[in-house]
Amino acid sequence: MVAKKKQNPAIPEMEVLEPMLADSHPNHENHLCHIISLRNMRTAAKLAKDAQYICFLCGRSAKSAKNLCQPIKI
């Protein structure tokens, strides 16, 4: 995962790391974050039912690890 540095205007002396969750990795079109960004909630609900994994990046959960960017077993 590559992160770009972003200056926080409220606190000029502090830098905030912002994760890049865009389509920068393979099979992202099958990940819940992408499916939800397309507002395909029916598919998202099916993939999340009986979740066994959680995404380290966005916190979404899914039954299969293949539907998350960085899955962790629950």
N, C-alpha and C. Protein backbone atom coordinates (compact mmCIF):
# COMPACT_ATOMS: atom_id res chain seq x y z
N MET A 1 0.83 -1.17 0.00
CA MET A 1 0.00 0.00 0.00
C MET A 1 0.88 1.24 0.00
N VAL A 2 0.60 2.13 -0.87
CA VAL A 2 1.34 3.37 -0.97
C VAL A 2 0.48 4.48 -0.37
N ALA A 3 1.07 5.31 0.44
CA ALA A 3 0.33 6.43 1.03
C ALA A 3 0.98 7.72 0.60
N LYS A 4 0.15 8.72 0.35
CA LYS A 4 0.70 10.03 0.01
C LYS A 4 0.55 10.94 1.23
N LYS A 5 1.48 11.85 1.40
CA LYS A 5 1.42 12.76 2.52
C LYS A 5 0.50 13.92 2.17
N LYS A 6 -0.35 14.28 3.14
CA LYS A 6 -1.30 15.36 2.95
C LYS A 6 -1.15 16.33 4.11
N GLN A 7 -0.98 17.58 3.81
CA GLN A 7 -0.83 18.60 4.83
C GLN A 7 -2.20 18.92 5.43
N ASN A 8 -2.30 18.92 6.74
CA ASN A 8 -3.54 19.24 7.43
C ASN A 8 -3.60 20.76 7.62
N PRO A 9 -4.58 21.45 6.99
CA PRO A 9 -4.63 22.91 7.09
C PRO A 9 -4.91 23.41 8.51
N ALA A 10 -5.60 22.61 9.32
CA ALA A 10 -5.92 23.03 10.68
C ALA A 10 -4.68 22.99 11.58
N ILE A 11 -3.76 22.06 11.30
CA ILE A 11 -2.54 21.92 12.09
C ILE A 11 -1.37 21.91 11.11
N PRO A 12 -0.84 23.08 10.74
CA PRO A 12 0.18 23.18 9.70
C PRO A 12 1.44 22.36 9.96
N GLU A 13 1.84 22.17 11.21
CA GLU A 13 3.08 21.46 11.49
C GLU A 13 2.92 19.93 11.48
N MET A 14 1.71 19.43 11.28
CA MET A 14 1.45 18.00 11.33
C MET A 14 1.10 17.47 9.94
N GLU A 15 1.67 16.33 9.56
CA GLU A 15 1.32 15.69 8.30
C GLU A 15 0.46 14.48 8.58
N VAL A 16 -0.57 14.28 7.76
CA VAL A 16 -1.49 13.18 7.91
C VAL A 16 -1.29 12.25 6.72
N LEU A 17 -1.16 10.94 6.97
CA LEU A 17 -1.05 9.98 5.89
C LEU A 17 -2.45 9.59 5.43
N GLU A 18 -2.66 9.63 4.14
CA GLU A 18 -3.96 9.31 3.56
C GLU A 18 -3.80 8.06 2.70
N PRO A 19 -4.47 6.94 3.06
CA PRO A 19 -4.32 5.72 2.25
C PRO A 19 -4.93 5.91 0.87
N MET A 20 -4.33 5.27 -0.12
CA MET A 20 -4.83 5.35 -1.49
C MET A 20 -5.62 4.07 -1.77
N LEU A 21 -6.94 4.17 -1.76
CA LEU A 21 -7.80 3.00 -1.93
C LEU A 21 -8.35 2.88 -3.34
N ALA A 22 -7.86 3.65 -4.26
CA ALA A 22 -8.37 3.62 -5.63
C ALA A 22 -8.03 2.30 -6.30
N ASP A 23 -8.42 2.18 -7.53
CA ASP A 23 -8.22 0.93 -8.29
C ASP A 23 -6.75 0.68 -8.60
N SER A 24 -5.92 0.69 -7.59
CA SER A 24 -4.48 0.55 -7.81
C SER A 24 -3.97 -0.86 -7.58
N HIS A 25 -4.87 -1.82 -7.38
CA HIS A 25 -4.43 -3.20 -7.18
C HIS A 25 -5.35 -4.15 -7.94
N PRO A 26 -4.86 -5.35 -8.22
CA PRO A 26 -5.63 -6.30 -9.04
C PRO A 26 -6.95 -6.72 -8.37
N ASN A 27 -7.93 -6.99 -9.19
CA ASN A 27 -9.25 -7.48 -8.78
C ASN A 27 -10.02 -6.53 -7.87
N HIS A 28 -9.71 -5.25 -7.90
CA HIS A 28 -10.40 -4.29 -7.04
C HIS A 28 -11.88 -4.20 -7.37
N GLU A 29 -12.26 -4.53 -8.59
CA GLU A 29 -13.67 -4.47 -8.99
C GLU A 29 -14.51 -5.50 -8.22
N ASN A 30 -13.86 -6.50 -7.59
CA ASN A 30 -14.57 -7.51 -6.80
C ASN A 30 -14.58 -7.19 -5.30
N HIS A 31 -13.99 -6.09 -4.90
CA HIS A 31 -13.88 -5.74 -3.48
C HIS A 31 -15.08 -4.91 -3.04
N LEU A 32 -15.49 -5.11 -1.79
CA LEU A 32 -16.67 -4.42 -1.26
C LEU A 32 -16.57 -2.91 -1.34
N CYS A 33 -15.39 -2.34 -1.10
CA CYS A 33 -15.27 -0.88 -1.15
C CYS A 33 -15.62 -0.36 -2.55
N HIS A 34 -15.22 -1.07 -3.59
CA HIS A 34 -15.54 -0.65 -4.96
C HIS A 34 -17.03 -0.89 -5.25
N ILE A 35 -17.55 -2.02 -4.85
CA ILE A 35 -18.96 -2.35 -5.09
C ILE A 35 -19.88 -1.34 -4.40
N ILE A 36 -19.53 -0.95 -3.18
CA ILE A 36 -20.34 0.03 -2.46
C ILE A 36 -20.20 1.42 -3.09
N SER A 37 -19.01 1.74 -3.61
CA SER A 37 -18.85 3.04 -4.27
C SER A 37 -19.74 3.15 -5.51
N LEU A 38 -20.08 2.01 -6.10
CA LEU A 38 -21.00 1.98 -7.24
C LEU A 38 -22.46 1.93 -6.80
N ARG A 39 -22.70 1.92 -5.49
CA ARG A 39 -24.03 1.86 -4.88
C ARG A 39 -24.78 0.58 -5.22
N ASN A 40 -24.04 -0.52 -5.35
CA ASN A 40 -24.64 -1.82 -5.62
C ASN A 40 -24.85 -2.53 -4.28
N MET A 41 -25.82 -2.07 -3.51
CA MET A 41 -26.02 -2.54 -2.14
C MET A 41 -26.55 -3.97 -2.06
N ARG A 42 -27.30 -4.39 -3.03
CA ARG A 42 -27.81 -5.77 -3.02
C ARG A 42 -26.65 -6.76 -3.10
N THR A 43 -25.70 -6.53 -3.99
CA THR A 43 -24.52 -7.39 -4.11
C THR A 43 -23.67 -7.29 -2.85
N ALA A 44 -23.49 -6.08 -2.34
CA ALA A 44 -22.69 -5.88 -1.13
C ALA A 44 -23.27 -6.66 0.04
N ALA A 45 -24.58 -6.64 0.18
CA ALA A 45 -25.24 -7.36 1.28
C ALA A 45 -25.02 -8.86 1.16
N LYS A 46 -25.09 -9.40 -0.05
CA LYS A 46 -24.85 -10.83 -0.26
C LYS A 46 -23.42 -11.21 0.10
N LEU A 47 -22.46 -10.37 -0.28
CA LEU A 47 -21.05 -10.66 0.00
C LEU A 47 -20.71 -10.52 1.49
N ALA A 48 -21.44 -9.68 2.20
CA ALA A 48 -21.14 -9.43 3.60
C ALA A 48 -21.85 -10.40 4.55
N LYS A 49 -22.87 -11.09 4.05
CA LYS A 49 -23.63 -12.01 4.91
C LYS A 49 -22.72 -13.12 5.44
N ASP A 50 -22.84 -13.42 6.72
CA ASP A 50 -22.03 -14.44 7.41
C ASP A 50 -20.54 -14.14 7.29
N ALA A 51 -20.17 -12.90 7.51
CA ALA A 51 -18.79 -12.43 7.34
C ALA A 51 -17.80 -13.24 8.19
N GLN A 52 -16.65 -13.54 7.57
CA GLN A 52 -15.57 -14.23 8.25
C GLN A 52 -14.26 -13.46 8.17
N TYR A 53 -14.25 -12.36 7.41
CA TYR A 53 -13.05 -11.54 7.24
C TYR A 53 -13.42 -10.07 7.40
N ILE A 54 -12.46 -9.27 7.81
CA ILE A 54 -12.62 -7.83 7.92
C ILE A 54 -11.46 -7.17 7.18
N CYS A 55 -11.71 -6.05 6.53
CA CYS A 55 -10.67 -5.36 5.78
C CYS A 55 -9.86 -4.46 6.73
N PHE A 56 -8.56 -4.60 6.69
CA PHE A 56 -7.67 -3.80 7.53
C PHE A 56 -7.73 -2.32 7.14
N LEU A 57 -8.03 -2.02 5.88
CA LEU A 57 -8.05 -0.63 5.40
C LEU A 57 -9.35 0.10 5.70
N CYS A 58 -10.47 -0.49 5.33
CA CYS A 58 -11.73 0.25 5.42
C CYS A 58 -12.67 -0.25 6.51
N GLY A 59 -12.41 -1.43 7.06
CA GLY A 59 -13.25 -1.95 8.12
C GLY A 59 -14.49 -2.70 7.65
N ARG A 60 -14.67 -2.84 6.36
CA ARG A 60 -15.81 -3.60 5.85
C ARG A 60 -15.57 -5.08 6.11
N SER A 61 -16.66 -5.85 6.18
CA SER A 61 -16.53 -7.28 6.42
C SER A 61 -17.19 -8.06 5.29
N ALA A 62 -16.66 -9.25 5.04
CA ALA A 62 -17.16 -10.09 3.96
C ALA A 62 -16.99 -11.56 4.31
N LYS A 63 -17.77 -12.41 3.67
CA LYS A 63 -17.66 -13.84 3.90
C LYS A 63 -16.37 -14.40 3.30
N SER A 64 -15.95 -13.84 2.17
CA SER A 64 -14.76 -14.32 1.47
C SER A 64 -13.65 -13.27 1.49
N ALA A 65 -12.43 -13.72 1.67
CA ALA A 65 -11.27 -12.81 1.68
C ALA A 65 -11.07 -12.15 0.32
N LYS A 66 -11.52 -12.79 -0.75
CA LYS A 66 -11.30 -12.23 -2.10
C LYS A 66 -12.11 -10.96 -2.35
N ASN A 67 -13.05 -10.64 -1.45
CA ASN A 67 -13.87 -9.44 -1.62
C ASN A 67 -13.41 -8.26 -0.78
N LEU A 68 -12.18 -8.33 -0.27
CA LEU A 68 -11.62 -7.25 0.54
C LEU A 68 -10.21 -6.93 0.07
N CYS A 69 -9.78 -5.70 0.24
CA CYS A 69 -8.44 -5.28 -0.20
C CYS A 69 -7.33 -5.90 0.66
N GLN A 70 -7.48 -5.80 1.98
CA GLN A 70 -6.51 -6.38 2.91
C GLN A 70 -7.26 -7.16 3.99
N PRO A 71 -7.67 -8.39 3.68
CA PRO A 71 -8.50 -9.16 4.61
C PRO A 71 -7.72 -9.71 5.81
N ILE A 72 -8.43 -9.73 6.94
CA ILE A 72 -7.93 -10.34 8.17
C ILE A 72 -9.03 -11.26 8.67
N LYS A 73 -8.69 -12.49 9.04
CA LYS A 73 -9.67 -13.47 9.54
C LYS A 73 -10.24 -12.96 10.86
N ILE A 74 -11.57 -13.01 10.99
CA ILE A 74 -12.24 -12.58 12.23
C ILE A 74 -12.14 -13.69 13.25
